[in-house]
Amino acid sequence: MRQMQHYVIFPNHDNGMRLYQELKKQGISAVISPTPRTVSKCCGISLMIEEKDMEAVEKCANDHGIEILQIAAVEKDLNPRRDRYC
């Protein structure tokens, strides 16, 4: 079974930080993350969110006039040798 991670993609970092603050106020979990290059090469930050929170995140962005480009689903990298150098 494939495990997916959901990223909110922005046109600039200001929108990402504004949405992050609004989500925190509403108690919605989000983690600031580098944007996966497979999804976008423009803005360096994105927010990782849970799939169950996608509608609430979109509503929050719309309610506060925060532009998002997309919410992208990316397969999790479950490489057990990741970050091993020996």
C-alpha atoms as a PDB file:
ATOM      1  CA  MET A   1       0.000   0.000   0.000  1.00  0.00           C
ATOM      2  CA  ARG A   2       1.355   3.412  -0.977  1.00  0.00           C
ATOM      3  CA  GLN A   3       1.544   6.048   1.731  1.00  0.00           C
ATOM      4  CA  MET A   4       0.946   9.596   0.596  1.00  0.00           C
ATOM      5  CA  GLN A   5       1.981  12.935   2.089  1.00  0.00           C
ATOM      6  CA  HIS A   6      -0.011  16.073   1.256  1.00  0.00           C
ATOM      7  CA  TYR A   7       1.714  19.411   0.585  1.00  0.00           C
ATOM      8  CA  VAL A   8       0.115  22.845   0.255  1.00  0.00           C
ATOM      9  CA  ILE A   9       2.021  24.705  -2.484  1.00  0.00           C
ATOM     10  CA  PHE A  10       2.244  28.525  -2.576  1.00  0.00           C
ATOM     11  CA  PRO A  11       3.353  31.178  -5.076  1.00  0.00           C
ATOM     12  CA  ASN A  12       5.589  32.745  -2.382  1.00  0.00           C
ATOM     13  CA  HIS A  13       6.777  32.139   1.185  1.00  0.00           C
ATOM     14  CA  ASP A  14       4.665  34.971   2.633  1.00  0.00           C
ATOM     15  CA  ASN A  15       1.436  33.116   1.788  1.00  0.00           C
ATOM     16  CA  GLY A  16       2.844  29.944   3.337  1.00  0.00           C
ATOM     17  CA  MET A  17       3.729  31.653   6.604  1.00  0.00           C
ATOM     18  CA  ARG A  18       0.373  33.464   6.784  1.00  0.00           C
ATOM     19  CA  LEU A  19      -1.564  30.228   6.293  1.00  0.00           C
ATOM     20  CA  TYR A  20       0.628  28.425   8.820  1.00  0.00           C
ATOM     21  CA  GLN A  21      -0.199  31.061  11.463  1.00  0.00           C
ATOM     22  CA  GLU A  22      -3.938  30.916  10.701  1.00  0.00           C
ATOM     23  CA  LEU A  23      -3.982  27.119  10.869  1.00  0.00           C
ATOM     24  CA  LYS A  24      -2.210  27.205  14.241  1.00  0.00           C
ATOM     25  CA  LYS A  25      -4.880  29.608  15.563  1.00  0.00           C
ATOM     26  CA  GLN A  26      -7.584  27.150  14.454  1.00  0.00           C
ATOM     27  CA  GLY A  27      -5.806  24.113  15.907  1.00  0.00           C
ATOM     28  CA  ILE A  28      -5.204  22.491  12.513  1.00  0.00           C
ATOM     29  CA  SER A  29      -1.948  20.564  12.288  1.00  0.00           C
ATOM     30  CA  ALA A  30       0.577  21.703   9.663  1.00  0.00           C
ATOM     31  CA  VAL A  31       4.349  21.408   9.350  1.00  0.00           C
ATOM     32  CA  ILE A  32       6.552  23.838   7.398  1.00  0.00           C
ATOM     33  CA  SER A  33       8.536  21.838   4.873  1.00  0.00           C
ATOM     34  CA  PRO A  34      10.702  22.316   1.789  1.00  0.00           C
ATOM     35  CA  THR A  35       8.613  22.049  -1.360  1.00  0.00           C
ATOM     36  CA  PRO A  36       9.178  18.719  -3.121  1.00  0.00           C
ATOM     37  CA  ARG A  37      10.868  19.504  -6.453  1.00  0.00           C
ATOM     38  CA  THR A  38       8.678  16.907  -8.144  1.00  0.00           C
ATOM     39  CA  VAL A  39       5.716  19.207  -7.433  1.00  0.00           C
ATOM     40  CA  SER A  40       7.026  22.759  -7.889  1.00  0.00           C
ATOM     41  CA  LYS A  41      10.244  24.607  -8.476  1.00  0.00           C
ATOM     42  CA  CYS A  42       9.012  28.111  -7.608  1.00  0.00           C
ATOM     43  CA  CYS A  43       8.451  28.629  -3.870  1.00  0.00           C
ATOM     44  CA  GLY A  44      10.855  26.957  -1.450  1.00  0.00           C
ATOM     45  CA  ILE A  45       8.381  26.280   1.361  1.00  0.00           C
ATOM     46  CA  SER A  46       5.201  24.298   1.594  1.00  0.00           C
ATOM     47  CA  LEU A  47       2.997  23.014   4.400  1.00  0.00           C
ATOM     48  CA  MET A  48       2.599  19.315   5.066  1.00  0.00           C
ATOM     49  CA  ILE A  49      -0.945  18.543   6.148  1.00  0.00           C
ATOM     50  CA  GLU A  50      -3.049  15.502   6.902  1.00  0.00           C
ATOM     51  CA  GLU A  51      -5.445  14.321   4.203  1.00  0.00           C
ATOM     52  CA  LYS A  52      -8.366  14.650   6.633  1.00  0.00           C
ATOM     53  CA  ASP A  53      -7.630  18.396   7.001  1.00  0.00           C
ATOM     54  CA  MET A  54      -7.572  19.269   3.281  1.00  0.00           C
ATOM     55  CA  GLU A  55     -11.034  20.864   3.194  1.00  0.00           C
ATOM     56  CA  ALA A  56     -10.410  22.855   6.392  1.00  0.00           C
ATOM     57  CA  VAL A  57      -7.088  24.121   5.012  1.00  0.00           C
ATOM     58  CA  GLU A  58      -8.680  25.222   1.730  1.00  0.00           C
ATOM     59  CA  LYS A  59     -11.489  26.944   3.623  1.00  0.00           C
ATOM     60  CA  CYS A  60      -9.027  28.733   5.911  1.00  0.00           C
ATOM     61  CA  ALA A  61      -7.006  29.949   2.924  1.00  0.00           C
ATOM     62  CA  ASN A  62     -10.143  31.209   1.166  1.00  0.00           C
ATOM     63  CA  ASP A  63     -11.517  32.885   4.307  1.00  0.00           C
ATOM     64  CA  HIS A  64      -8.257  34.815   4.847  1.00  0.00           C
ATOM     65  CA  GLY A  65      -7.512  35.619   1.189  1.00  0.00           C
ATOM     66  CA  ILE A  66      -4.353  33.483   1.112  1.00  0.00           C
ATOM     67  CA  GLU A  67      -3.399  32.260  -2.346  1.00  0.00           C
ATOM     68  CA  ILE A  68      -2.437  28.613  -2.706  1.00  0.00           C
ATOM     69  CA  LEU A  69      -1.412  27.009  -5.984  1.00  0.00           C
ATOM     70  CA  GLN A  70      -2.440  23.453  -5.154  1.00  0.00           C
ATOM     71  CA  ILE A  71      -2.534  20.709  -2.592  1.00  0.00           C
ATOM     72  CA  ALA A  72      -0.329  17.965  -3.962  1.00  0.00           C
ATOM     73  CA  ALA A  73      -0.162  14.329  -2.909  1.00  0.00           C
ATOM     74  CA  VAL A  74       3.361  12.887  -3.002  1.00  0.00           C
ATOM     75  CA  GLU A  75       4.310   9.316  -2.226  1.00  0.00           C
ATOM     76  CA  LYS A  76       6.283   9.110   1.015  1.00  0.00           C
ATOM     77  CA  ASP A  77       9.941   8.178   0.639  1.00  0.00           C
ATOM     78  CA  LEU A  78      10.320   5.210   2.953  1.00  0.00           C
ATOM     79  CA  ASN A  79      13.941   4.425   2.120  1.00  0.00           C
ATOM     80  CA  PRO A  80      15.421   2.810   5.277  1.00  0.00           C
ATOM     81  CA  ARG A  81      18.966   3.717   4.120  1.00  0.00           C
ATOM     82  CA  ARG A  82      18.159   7.427   3.833  1.00  0.00           C
ATOM     83  CA  ASP A  83      20.659   9.652   5.673  1.00  0.00           C
ATOM     84  CA  ARG A  84      23.023   6.717   6.262  1.00  0.00           C
ATOM     85  CA  TYR A  85      26.560   7.499   5.235  1.00  0.00           C
ATOM     86  CA  CYS A  86      28.396   4.347   6.280  1.00  0.00           C
END
